[in-house]
């Protein structure tokens, strides 16, 4: 399954709009990333399971 390429100029422009929309309030990068994913500007990738450490034998 081929992934669609991320259009970075679109991402940056929309991220700027999101940050500017908060006005004097502060916004975190995580909040911006969630908004971009929710709007479909960035793809949502589910978290990967953590790698298990090798058990001592």
PDB file of N, CA and C in Angstrom:
ATOM      1  N   UNK A   1       0.855  -1.175   0.000  1.00  0.00           N
ATOM      2  CA  UNK A   1       0.000   0.000   0.000  1.00  0.00           C
ATOM      3  C   UNK A   1       0.901   1.239   0.000  1.00  0.00           C
ATOM      4  N   UNK A   2       0.783   2.053  -1.016  1.00  0.00           N
ATOM      5  CA  UNK A   2       1.611   3.253  -1.130  1.00  0.00           C
ATOM      6  C   UNK A   2       1.013   4.382  -0.303  1.00  0.00           C
ATOM      7  N   UNK A   3       1.898   5.085   0.374  1.00  0.00           N
ATOM      8  CA  UNK A   3       1.448   6.237   1.167  1.00  0.00           C
ATOM      9  C   UNK A   3       1.461   7.486   0.309  1.00  0.00           C
ATOM     10  N   UNK A   4       0.512   8.357   0.586  1.00  0.00           N
ATOM     11  CA  UNK A   4       0.471   9.637  -0.109  1.00  0.00           C
ATOM     12  C   UNK A   4       1.564  10.534   0.462  1.00  0.00           C
ATOM     13  N   UNK A   5       2.216  11.273  -0.412  1.00  0.00           N
ATOM     14  CA  UNK A   5       3.273  12.185   0.039  1.00  0.00           C
ATOM     15  C   UNK A   5       2.665  13.344   0.828  1.00  0.00           C
ATOM     16  N   UNK A   6       3.372  13.773   1.833  1.00  0.00           N
ATOM     17  CA  UNK A   6       2.924  14.905   2.647  1.00  0.00           C
ATOM     18  C   UNK A   6       3.257  16.184   1.894  1.00  0.00           C
ATOM     19  N   UNK A   7       2.287  17.048   1.759  1.00  0.00           N
ATOM     20  CA  UNK A   7       2.492  18.339   1.092  1.00  0.00           C
ATOM     21  C   UNK A   7       2.867  19.357   2.171  1.00  0.00           C
ATOM     22  N   UNK A   8       4.169  19.501   2.399  1.00  0.00           N
ATOM     23  CA  UNK A   8       4.664  20.311   3.508  1.00  0.00           C
ATOM     24  C   UNK A   8       4.268  21.779   3.445  1.00  0.00           C
ATOM     25  N   UNK A   9       4.250  22.423   2.285  1.00  0.00           N
ATOM     26  CA  UNK A   9       3.799  23.825   2.282  1.00  0.00           C
ATOM     27  C   UNK A   9       2.367  23.964   2.804  1.00  0.00           C
ATOM     28  N   UNK A  10       1.515  23.002   2.489  1.00  0.00           N
ATOM     29  CA  UNK A  10       0.128  23.023   2.977  1.00  0.00           C
ATOM     30  C   UNK A  10       0.114  22.820   4.493  1.00  0.00           C
ATOM     31  N   UNK A  11       0.930  21.892   4.979  1.00  0.00           N
ATOM     32  CA  UNK A  11       0.999  21.607   6.416  1.00  0.00           C
ATOM     33  C   UNK A  11       1.464  22.845   7.176  1.00  0.00           C
ATOM     34  N   UNK A  12       2.521  23.467   6.678  1.00  0.00           N
ATOM     35  CA  UNK A  12       3.083  24.639   7.361  1.00  0.00           C
ATOM     36  C   UNK A  12       2.083  25.792   7.369  1.00  0.00           C
ATOM     37  N   UNK A  13       1.430  26.026   6.233  1.00  0.00           N
ATOM     38  CA  UNK A  13       0.446  27.118   6.169  1.00  0.00           C
ATOM     39  C   UNK A  13      -0.707  26.878   7.138  1.00  0.00           C
ATOM     40  N   UNK A  14      -1.208  25.650   7.181  1.00  0.00           N
ATOM     41  CA  UNK A  14      -2.335  25.349   8.073  1.00  0.00           C
ATOM     42  C   UNK A  14      -1.893  25.404   9.532  1.00  0.00           C
ATOM     43  N   UNK A  15      -0.686  24.932   9.829  1.00  0.00           N
ATOM     44  CA  UNK A  15      -0.175  25.000  11.202  1.00  0.00           C
ATOM     45  C   UNK A  15      -0.068  26.460  11.653  1.00  0.00           C
ATOM     46  N   UNK A  16       0.384  27.317  10.761  1.00  0.00           N
ATOM     47  CA  UNK A  16       0.484  28.749  11.091  1.00  0.00           C
ATOM     48  C   UNK A  16      -0.908  29.312  11.392  1.00  0.00           C
ATOM     49  N   UNK A  17      -1.904  28.934  10.606  1.00  0.00           N
ATOM     50  CA  UNK A  17      -3.277  29.407  10.846  1.00  0.00           C
ATOM     51  C   UNK A  17      -3.789  28.926  12.205  1.00  0.00           C
ATOM     52  N   UNK A  18      -3.486  27.680  12.534  1.00  0.00           N
ATOM     53  CA  UNK A  18      -3.934  27.131  13.819  1.00  0.00           C
ATOM     54  C   UNK A  18      -3.304  27.907  14.970  1.00  0.00           C
ATOM     55  N   UNK A  19      -2.000  28.109  14.901  1.00  0.00           N
ATOM     56  CA  UNK A  19      -1.296  28.826  15.977  1.00  0.00           C
ATOM     57  C   UNK A  19      -1.814  30.256  16.077  1.00  0.00           C
ATOM     58  N   UNK A  20      -1.963  30.929  14.949  1.00  0.00           N
ATOM     59  CA  UNK A  20      -2.475  32.301  14.959  1.00  0.00           C
ATOM     60  C   UNK A  20      -3.898  32.369  15.507  1.00  0.00           C
ATOM     61  N   UNK A  21      -4.664  31.306  15.312  1.00  0.00           N
ATOM     62  CA  UNK A  21      -6.047  31.272  15.779  1.00  0.00           C
ATOM     63  C   UNK A  21      -6.171  31.246  17.293  1.00  0.00           C
ATOM     64  N   UNK A  22      -5.114  30.880  17.974  1.00  0.00           N
ATOM     65  CA  UNK A  22      -5.147  30.859  19.428  1.00  0.00           C
ATOM     66  C   UNK A  22      -4.922  32.238  20.027  1.00  0.00           C
ATOM     67  N   UNK A  23      -4.572  33.208  19.190  1.00  0.00           N
ATOM     68  CA  UNK A  23      -4.385  34.575  19.662  1.00  0.00           C
ATOM     69  C   UNK A  23      -3.310  34.655  20.729  1.00  0.00           C
ATOM     70  N   UNK A  24      -3.641  35.290  21.851  1.00  0.00           N
ATOM     71  CA  UNK A  24      -2.620  35.449  22.897  1.00  0.00           C
ATOM     72  C   UNK A  24      -2.368  34.161  23.697  1.00  0.00           C
ATOM     73  N   UNK A  25      -3.202  33.154  23.494  1.00  0.00           N
ATOM     74  CA  UNK A  25      -3.018  31.900  24.231  1.00  0.00           C
ATOM     75  C   UNK A  25      -1.870  31.101  23.636  1.00  0.00           C
ATOM     76  N   UNK A  26      -1.244  30.287  24.448  1.00  0.00           N
ATOM     77  CA  UNK A  26      -0.158  29.439  23.975  1.00  0.00           C
ATOM     78  C   UNK A  26      -0.731  28.109  23.495  1.00  0.00           C
ATOM     79  N   UNK A  27      -0.081  27.534  22.530  1.00  0.00           N
ATOM     80  CA  UNK A  27      -0.490  26.243  21.993  1.00  0.00           C
ATOM     81  C   UNK A  27       0.755  25.364  21.905  1.00  0.00           C
ATOM     82  N   UNK A  28       0.582  24.066  22.179  1.00  0.00           N
ATOM     83  CA  UNK A  28       1.718  23.159  22.119  1.00  0.00           C
ATOM     84  C   UNK A  28       1.812  22.526  20.732  1.00  0.00           C
ATOM     85  N   UNK A  29       2.995  22.041  20.423  1.00  0.00           N
ATOM     86  CA  UNK A  29       3.195  21.344  19.156  1.00  0.00           C
ATOM     87  C   UNK A  29       2.274  20.130  19.075  1.00  0.00           C
ATOM     88  N   UNK A  30       2.094  19.453  20.194  1.00  0.00           N
ATOM     89  CA  UNK A  30       1.210  18.278  20.214  1.00  0.00           C
ATOM     90  C   UNK A  30      -0.219  18.665  19.823  1.00  0.00           C
ATOM     91  N   UNK A  31      -0.712  19.793  20.351  1.00  0.00           N
ATOM     92  CA  UNK A  31      -2.061  20.237  19.997  1.00  0.00           C
ATOM     93  C   UNK A  31      -2.165  20.511  18.498  1.00  0.00           C
ATOM     94  N   UNK A  32      -1.153  21.159  17.948  1.00  0.00           N
ATOM     95  CA  UNK A  32      -1.164  21.467  16.516  1.00  0.00           C
ATOM     96  C   UNK A  32      -1.133  20.173  15.704  1.00  0.00           C
ATOM     97  N   UNK A  33      -0.297  19.231  16.104  1.00  0.00           N
ATOM     98  CA  UNK A  33      -0.209  17.960  15.376  1.00  0.00           C
ATOM     99  C   UNK A  33      -1.541  17.205  15.415  1.00  0.00           C
ATOM    100  N   UNK A  34      -2.197  17.188  16.572  1.00  0.00           N
ATOM    101  CA  UNK A  34      -3.500  16.531  16.675  1.00  0.00           C
ATOM    102  C   UNK A  34      -4.526  17.200  15.755  1.00  0.00           C
ATOM    103  N   UNK A  35      -4.526  18.522  15.738  1.00  0.00           N
ATOM    104  CA  UNK A  35      -5.457  19.243  14.870  1.00  0.00           C
ATOM    105  C   UNK A  35      -5.185  18.934  13.404  1.00  0.00           C
ATOM    106  N   UNK A  36      -3.918  18.932  13.011  1.00  0.00           N
ATOM    107  CA  UNK A  36      -3.564  18.642  11.622  1.00  0.00           C
ATOM    108  C   UNK A  36      -3.987  17.226  11.235  1.00  0.00           C
ATOM    109  N   UNK A  37      -3.807  16.272  12.132  1.00  0.00           N
ATOM    110  CA  UNK A  37      -4.215  14.897  11.849  1.00  0.00           C
ATOM    111  C   UNK A  37      -5.742  14.789  11.785  1.00  0.00           C
ATOM    112  N   UNK A  38      -6.435  15.473  12.706  1.00  0.00           N
ATOM    113  CA  UNK A  38      -7.902  15.421  12.724  1.00  0.00           C
ATOM    114  C   UNK A  38      -8.498  16.025  11.455  1.00  0.00           C
ATOM    115  N   UNK A  39      -7.832  17.035  10.911  1.00  0.00           N
ATOM    116  CA  UNK A  39      -8.317  17.681   9.691  1.00  0.00           C
ATOM    117  C   UNK A  39      -7.868  16.947   8.430  1.00  0.00           C
ATOM    118  N   UNK A  40      -7.024  15.948   8.586  1.00  0.00           N
ATOM    119  CA  UNK A  40      -6.547  15.194   7.430  1.00  0.00           C
ATOM    120  C   UNK A  40      -5.401  15.853   6.686  1.00  0.00           C
ATOM    121  N   UNK A  41      -4.834  16.905   7.263  1.00  0.00           N
ATOM    122  CA  UNK A  41      -3.703  17.576   6.631  1.00  0.00           C
ATOM    123  C   UNK A  41      -2.452  16.710   6.772  1.00  0.00           C
ATOM    124  N   UNK A  42      -2.317  16.053   7.923  1.00  0.00           N
ATOM    125  CA  UNK A  42      -1.258  15.079   8.157  1.00  0.00           C
ATOM    126  C   UNK A  42      -1.913  13.714   8.308  1.00  0.00           C
ATOM    127  N   UNK A  43      -1.253  12.660   7.854  1.00  0.00           N
ATOM    128  CA  UNK A  43      -1.839  11.329   8.030  1.00  0.00           C
ATOM    129  C   UNK A  43      -1.781  10.910   9.495  1.00  0.00           C
ATOM    130  N   UNK A  44      -2.805  10.197   9.912  1.00  0.00           N
ATOM    131  CA  UNK A  44      -2.813   9.648  11.273  1.00  0.00           C
ATOM    132  C   UNK A  44      -2.139   8.285  11.213  1.00  0.00           C
ATOM    133  N   UNK A  45      -1.072   8.129  11.950  1.00  0.00           N
ATOM    134  CA  UNK A  45      -0.399   6.830  12.011  1.00  0.00           C
ATOM    135  C   UNK A  45      -0.531   6.294  13.425  1.00  0.00           C
ATOM    136  N   UNK A  46      -1.118   5.119  13.559  1.00  0.00           N
ATOM    137  CA  UNK A  46      -1.288   4.559  14.898  1.00  0.00           C
ATOM    138  C   UNK A  46       0.071   4.276  15.540  1.00  0.00           C
ATOM    139  N   UNK A  47       0.134   4.361  16.860  1.00  0.00           N
ATOM    140  CA  UNK A  47       1.409   4.100  17.538  1.00  0.00           C
ATOM    141  C   UNK A  47       1.842   2.654  17.342  1.00  0.00           C
ATOM    142  N   UNK A  48       3.138   2.454  17.277  1.00  0.00           N
ATOM    143  CA  UNK A  48       3.672   1.100  17.162  1.00  0.00           C
ATOM    144  C   UNK A  48       3.829   0.516  18.556  1.00  0.00           C
ATOM    145  N   UNK A  49       3.630  -0.788  18.679  1.00  0.00           N
ATOM    146  CA  UNK A  49       3.868  -1.389  19.990  1.00  0.00           C
ATOM    147  C   UNK A  49       5.352  -1.292  20.348  1.00  0.00           C
ATOM    148  N   UNK A  50       5.623  -1.098  21.605  1.00  0.00           N
ATOM    149  CA  UNK A  50       7.010  -0.993  22.057  1.00  0.00           C
ATOM    150  C   UNK A  50       7.714  -2.333  21.853  1.00  0.00           C
ATOM    151  N   UNK A  51       8.954  -2.255  21.479  1.00  0.00           N
ATOM    152  CA  UNK A  51       9.732  -3.486  21.299  1.00  0.00           C
ATOM    153  C   UNK A  51       9.973  -4.118  22.662  1.00  0.00           C
ATOM    154  N   UNK A  52       9.840  -5.400  22.722  1.00  0.00           N
ATOM    155  CA  UNK A  52      10.066  -6.100  23.998  1.00  0.00           C
ATOM    156  C   UNK A  52      11.543  -6.377  24.174  1.00  0.00           C
ATOM    157  N   UNK A  53      11.995  -6.182  25.366  1.00  0.00           N
ATOM    158  CA  UNK A  53      13.392  -6.486  25.677  1.00  0.00           C
ATOM    159  C   UNK A  53      13.557  -8.000  25.707  1.00  0.00           C
ATOM    160  N   UNK A  54      14.695  -8.447  25.298  1.00  0.00           N
ATOM    161  CA  UNK A  54      14.967  -9.880  25.343  1.00  0.00           C
ATOM    162  C   UNK A  54      14.998 -10.350  26.803  1.00  0.00           C
ATOM    163  N   UNK A  55      14.284 -11.420  27.073  1.00  0.00           N
ATOM    164  CA  UNK A  55      14.264 -11.899  28.453  1.00  0.00           C
ATOM    165  C   UNK A  55      15.533 -12.689  28.744  1.00  0.00           C
ATOM    166  N   UNK A  56      16.072 -12.520  29.943  1.00  0.00           N
ATOM    167  CA  UNK A  56      17.287 -13.254  30.280  1.00  0.00           C
ATOM    168  C   UNK A  56      17.000 -14.765  30.316  1.00  0.00           C
ATOM    169  N   UNK A  57      17.922 -15.534  29.870  1.00  0.00           N
ATOM    170  CA  UNK A  57      17.711 -16.996  29.858  1.00  0.00           C
ATOM    171  C   UNK A  57      18.580 -17.685  30.853  1.00  0.00           C
TER     172      UNK A  57
END
